[in-house]
Amino acid sequence: MAVMKLIHVGFGNIVNAGKIIAIVSPDSAPVRRLVSQAKSDGRTIDATQGRKTKSVIVMENDRIVLSALLPETIRGRAVAESEPEQDEE
């Protein structure tokens, strides 16, 4: 059975790390258009809890997750989750 890796994206919200395509900053015009289109189509999941969006997570299922955490923070959590634990000897 496959193990589903989950990462915390802020304020108690969690996403499936295996379904993430990209984690990007919301500052560029193309990303703003992507978010705007996703909002109008109802494909956006807002995990910011009313705070400023600092990262946009593009998922495999054509969903867009908005997070108040920096992309570097989410990347660090995703990398930490994917590394196998090593036993201390």
N, C-alpha and C. Protein backbone atom coordinates (compact mmCIF):
# COMPACT_ATOMS: atom_id res chain seq x y z
N MET A 1 0.84 -1.18 0.00
CA MET A 1 0.00 0.00 0.00
C MET A 1 0.89 1.24 0.00
N ALA A 2 0.59 2.21 -0.83
CA ALA A 2 1.39 3.44 -0.93
C ALA A 2 1.14 4.33 0.27
N VAL A 3 2.23 4.93 0.74
CA VAL A 3 2.14 5.84 1.88
C VAL A 3 1.94 7.25 1.36
N MET A 4 0.93 7.94 1.86
CA MET A 4 0.65 9.30 1.43
C MET A 4 1.43 10.27 2.33
N LYS A 5 2.28 11.10 1.72
CA LYS A 5 3.05 12.10 2.46
C LYS A 5 2.24 13.39 2.51
N LEU A 6 2.03 13.91 3.70
CA LEU A 6 1.28 15.14 3.89
C LEU A 6 2.21 16.22 4.42
N ILE A 7 2.04 17.46 3.93
CA ILE A 7 2.83 18.56 4.46
C ILE A 7 1.91 19.68 4.92
N HIS A 8 2.35 20.34 5.96
CA HIS A 8 1.61 21.43 6.57
C HIS A 8 1.87 22.70 5.74
N VAL A 9 0.81 23.38 5.31
CA VAL A 9 0.94 24.59 4.50
C VAL A 9 0.46 25.83 5.25
N GLY A 10 0.31 25.69 6.56
CA GLY A 10 -0.03 26.83 7.39
C GLY A 10 -1.42 26.78 7.98
N PHE A 11 -1.53 27.22 9.24
CA PHE A 11 -2.81 27.38 9.94
C PHE A 11 -3.64 26.10 9.99
N GLY A 12 -2.96 24.97 10.19
CA GLY A 12 -3.65 23.70 10.32
C GLY A 12 -4.07 23.07 9.01
N ASN A 13 -3.64 23.62 7.90
CA ASN A 13 -4.00 23.09 6.58
C ASN A 13 -2.88 22.18 6.08
N ILE A 14 -3.27 21.06 5.47
CA ILE A 14 -2.32 20.04 5.04
C ILE A 14 -2.67 19.63 3.61
N VAL A 15 -1.62 19.42 2.78
CA VAL A 15 -1.83 18.94 1.42
C VAL A 15 -1.01 17.68 1.18
N ASN A 16 -1.42 16.92 0.19
CA ASN A 16 -0.72 15.70 -0.20
C ASN A 16 0.53 16.10 -0.99
N ALA A 17 1.71 15.84 -0.44
CA ALA A 17 2.97 16.24 -1.08
C ALA A 17 3.18 15.54 -2.42
N GLY A 18 2.63 14.34 -2.57
CA GLY A 18 2.80 13.59 -3.80
C GLY A 18 2.01 14.16 -4.97
N LYS A 19 1.09 15.06 -4.71
CA LYS A 19 0.27 15.65 -5.77
C LYS A 19 0.71 17.05 -6.17
N ILE A 20 1.77 17.56 -5.56
CA ILE A 20 2.24 18.92 -5.86
C ILE A 20 3.04 18.91 -7.16
N ILE A 21 2.68 19.83 -8.06
CA ILE A 21 3.41 20.01 -9.31
C ILE A 21 4.43 21.14 -9.14
N ALA A 22 3.99 22.25 -8.52
CA ALA A 22 4.88 23.41 -8.36
C ALA A 22 4.46 24.23 -7.15
N ILE A 23 5.46 24.90 -6.57
CA ILE A 23 5.23 25.87 -5.49
C ILE A 23 5.86 27.16 -5.97
N VAL A 24 5.05 28.18 -6.23
CA VAL A 24 5.55 29.41 -6.84
C VAL A 24 5.13 30.64 -6.04
N SER A 25 5.85 31.72 -6.28
CA SER A 25 5.52 33.00 -5.67
C SER A 25 4.37 33.63 -6.44
N PRO A 26 3.46 34.32 -5.76
CA PRO A 26 2.28 34.89 -6.44
C PRO A 26 2.55 36.25 -7.08
N ASP A 27 3.80 36.69 -7.15
CA ASP A 27 4.11 38.04 -7.59
C ASP A 27 4.10 38.27 -9.09
N SER A 28 4.31 37.25 -9.89
CA SER A 28 4.39 37.46 -11.34
C SER A 28 3.00 37.53 -11.97
N ALA A 29 2.91 38.20 -13.08
CA ALA A 29 1.64 38.37 -13.79
C ALA A 29 1.05 37.03 -14.25
N PRO A 30 1.85 36.10 -14.79
CA PRO A 30 1.26 34.82 -15.20
C PRO A 30 0.64 34.04 -14.03
N VAL A 31 1.29 34.09 -12.87
CA VAL A 31 0.73 33.39 -11.71
C VAL A 31 -0.53 34.08 -11.23
N ARG A 32 -0.54 35.40 -11.27
CA ARG A 32 -1.76 36.14 -10.90
C ARG A 32 -2.92 35.76 -11.81
N ARG A 33 -2.66 35.64 -13.12
CA ARG A 33 -3.70 35.23 -14.07
C ARG A 33 -4.17 33.80 -13.78
N LEU A 34 -3.22 32.92 -13.47
CA LEU A 34 -3.55 31.54 -13.14
C LEU A 34 -4.48 31.48 -11.92
N VAL A 35 -4.14 32.24 -10.88
CA VAL A 35 -4.96 32.27 -9.66
C VAL A 35 -6.33 32.88 -9.95
N SER A 36 -6.35 33.97 -10.72
CA SER A 36 -7.62 34.62 -11.05
C SER A 36 -8.54 33.68 -11.82
N GLN A 37 -7.98 32.96 -12.78
CA GLN A 37 -8.78 32.02 -13.57
C GLN A 37 -9.28 30.87 -12.69
N ALA A 38 -8.40 30.38 -11.81
CA ALA A 38 -8.79 29.29 -10.92
C ALA A 38 -9.90 29.73 -9.96
N LYS A 39 -9.82 30.98 -9.48
CA LYS A 39 -10.87 31.49 -8.59
C LYS A 39 -12.20 31.56 -9.32
N SER A 40 -12.18 32.03 -10.56
CA SER A 40 -13.44 32.15 -11.30
C SER A 40 -14.02 30.78 -11.64
N ASP A 41 -13.16 29.76 -11.78
CA ASP A 41 -13.61 28.41 -12.08
C ASP A 41 -13.94 27.59 -10.83
N GLY A 42 -13.65 28.13 -9.65
CA GLY A 42 -13.90 27.41 -8.41
C GLY A 42 -12.88 26.33 -8.11
N ARG A 43 -11.66 26.47 -8.63
CA ARG A 43 -10.61 25.47 -8.43
C ARG A 43 -9.60 25.89 -7.37
N THR A 44 -9.86 27.00 -6.68
CA THR A 44 -8.91 27.53 -5.71
C THR A 44 -9.26 27.08 -4.30
N ILE A 45 -8.24 26.69 -3.55
CA ILE A 45 -8.38 26.37 -2.14
C ILE A 45 -7.56 27.41 -1.39
N ASP A 46 -8.24 28.25 -0.62
CA ASP A 46 -7.57 29.34 0.10
C ASP A 46 -7.21 28.87 1.51
N ALA A 47 -5.91 28.63 1.73
CA ALA A 47 -5.42 28.18 3.04
C ALA A 47 -4.68 29.30 3.77
N THR A 48 -5.00 30.56 3.43
CA THR A 48 -4.29 31.70 4.02
C THR A 48 -4.91 32.20 5.31
N GLN A 49 -6.13 31.79 5.60
CA GLN A 49 -6.86 32.26 6.78
C GLN A 49 -6.94 33.79 6.81
N GLY A 50 -7.11 34.40 5.65
CA GLY A 50 -7.28 35.85 5.56
C GLY A 50 -5.99 36.64 5.49
N ARG A 51 -4.86 35.97 5.51
CA ARG A 51 -3.58 36.66 5.45
C ARG A 51 -3.11 36.80 4.00
N LYS A 52 -2.02 37.52 3.81
CA LYS A 52 -1.48 37.75 2.47
C LYS A 52 -0.98 36.42 1.88
N THR A 53 -1.29 36.20 0.61
CA THR A 53 -0.82 35.01 -0.09
C THR A 53 0.66 35.17 -0.41
N LYS A 54 1.47 34.26 0.09
CA LYS A 54 2.91 34.29 -0.16
C LYS A 54 3.38 33.17 -1.07
N SER A 55 2.53 32.15 -1.27
CA SER A 55 2.88 31.09 -2.21
C SER A 55 1.62 30.49 -2.82
N VAL A 56 1.81 30.00 -4.03
CA VAL A 56 0.74 29.35 -4.79
C VAL A 56 1.21 27.93 -5.07
N ILE A 57 0.41 26.96 -4.66
CA ILE A 57 0.76 25.55 -4.85
C ILE A 57 -0.13 25.00 -5.95
N VAL A 58 0.49 24.55 -7.03
CA VAL A 58 -0.24 23.97 -8.16
C VAL A 58 -0.27 22.46 -7.94
N MET A 59 -1.48 21.90 -7.92
CA MET A 59 -1.66 20.48 -7.64
C MET A 59 -1.98 19.71 -8.92
N GLU A 60 -1.76 18.39 -8.88
CA GLU A 60 -2.04 17.52 -10.03
C GLU A 60 -3.50 17.53 -10.44
N ASN A 61 -4.40 17.66 -9.52
CA ASN A 61 -5.82 17.56 -9.80
C ASN A 61 -6.41 18.88 -10.31
N ASP A 62 -5.56 19.76 -10.84
CA ASP A 62 -5.97 21.04 -11.42
C ASP A 62 -6.48 22.01 -10.37
N ARG A 63 -6.11 21.80 -9.12
CA ARG A 63 -6.46 22.72 -8.04
C ARG A 63 -5.28 23.63 -7.76
N ILE A 64 -5.59 24.81 -7.24
CA ILE A 64 -4.59 25.80 -6.85
C ILE A 64 -4.78 26.05 -5.36
N VAL A 65 -3.73 25.85 -4.56
CA VAL A 65 -3.80 26.09 -3.13
C VAL A 65 -3.02 27.36 -2.82
N LEU A 66 -3.67 28.31 -2.14
CA LEU A 66 -3.02 29.55 -1.74
C LEU A 66 -2.57 29.41 -0.30
N SER A 67 -1.31 29.79 -0.02
CA SER A 67 -0.77 29.65 1.33
C SER A 67 -0.13 30.96 1.78
N ALA A 68 -0.16 31.20 3.08
CA ALA A 68 0.47 32.38 3.66
C ALA A 68 1.92 32.11 4.03
N LEU A 69 2.42 30.90 3.75
CA LEU A 69 3.82 30.59 4.00
C LEU A 69 4.64 30.85 2.75
N LEU A 70 5.92 31.16 2.94
CA LEU A 70 6.82 31.38 1.81
C LEU A 70 7.07 30.07 1.06
N PRO A 71 7.30 30.16 -0.25
CA PRO A 71 7.58 28.93 -1.02
C PRO A 71 8.77 28.14 -0.46
N GLU A 72 9.79 28.84 0.03
CA GLU A 72 10.97 28.16 0.59
C GLU A 72 10.61 27.34 1.82
N THR A 73 9.68 27.85 2.62
CA THR A 73 9.25 27.14 3.83
C THR A 73 8.52 25.86 3.45
N ILE A 74 7.64 25.95 2.49
CA ILE A 74 6.88 24.76 2.06
C ILE A 74 7.82 23.75 1.40
N ARG A 75 8.76 24.24 0.59
CA ARG A 75 9.73 23.35 -0.04
C ARG A 75 10.54 22.61 1.01
N GLY A 76 10.98 23.34 2.03
CA GLY A 76 11.75 22.71 3.10
C GLY A 76 10.96 21.62 3.80
N ARG A 77 9.69 21.85 4.01
CA ARG A 77 8.85 20.85 4.65
C ARG A 77 8.64 19.64 3.74
N ALA A 78 8.48 19.89 2.45
CA ALA A 78 8.29 18.80 1.50
C ALA A 78 9.56 17.95 1.39
N VAL A 79 10.71 18.60 1.38
CA VAL A 79 11.98 17.87 1.30
C VAL A 79 12.21 17.08 2.59
N ALA A 80 11.92 17.69 3.73
CA ALA A 80 12.09 17.00 5.01
C ALA A 80 11.19 15.78 5.10
N GLU A 81 9.99 15.87 4.55
CA GLU A 81 9.06 14.74 4.57
C GLU A 81 9.52 13.61 3.66
N SER A 82 10.22 13.94 2.56
CA SER A 82 10.59 12.92 1.60
C SER A 82 11.89 12.21 1.96
N GLU A 83 12.69 12.80 2.86
CA GLU A 83 13.95 12.17 3.26
C GLU A 83 13.66 11.04 4.25
N PRO A 84 14.27 9.88 4.02
CA PRO A 84 14.05 8.78 4.97
C PRO A 84 14.77 9.07 6.29
N GLU A 85 14.14 8.62 7.36
CA GLU A 85 14.76 8.81 8.67
C GLU A 85 15.92 7.85 8.82
N GLN A 86 17.02 8.35 9.39
CA GLN A 86 18.20 7.51 9.61
C GLN A 86 18.33 7.21 11.09
N ASP A 87 18.62 5.98 11.40
CA ASP A 87 18.82 5.58 12.79
C ASP A 87 20.18 6.04 13.26
N GLU A 88 20.24 6.55 14.48
CA GLU A 88 21.52 6.93 15.06
C GLU A 88 22.18 5.68 15.63
N GLU A 89 23.47 5.56 15.40
CA GLU A 89 24.18 4.39 15.91
C GLU A 89 25.12 4.77 17.00
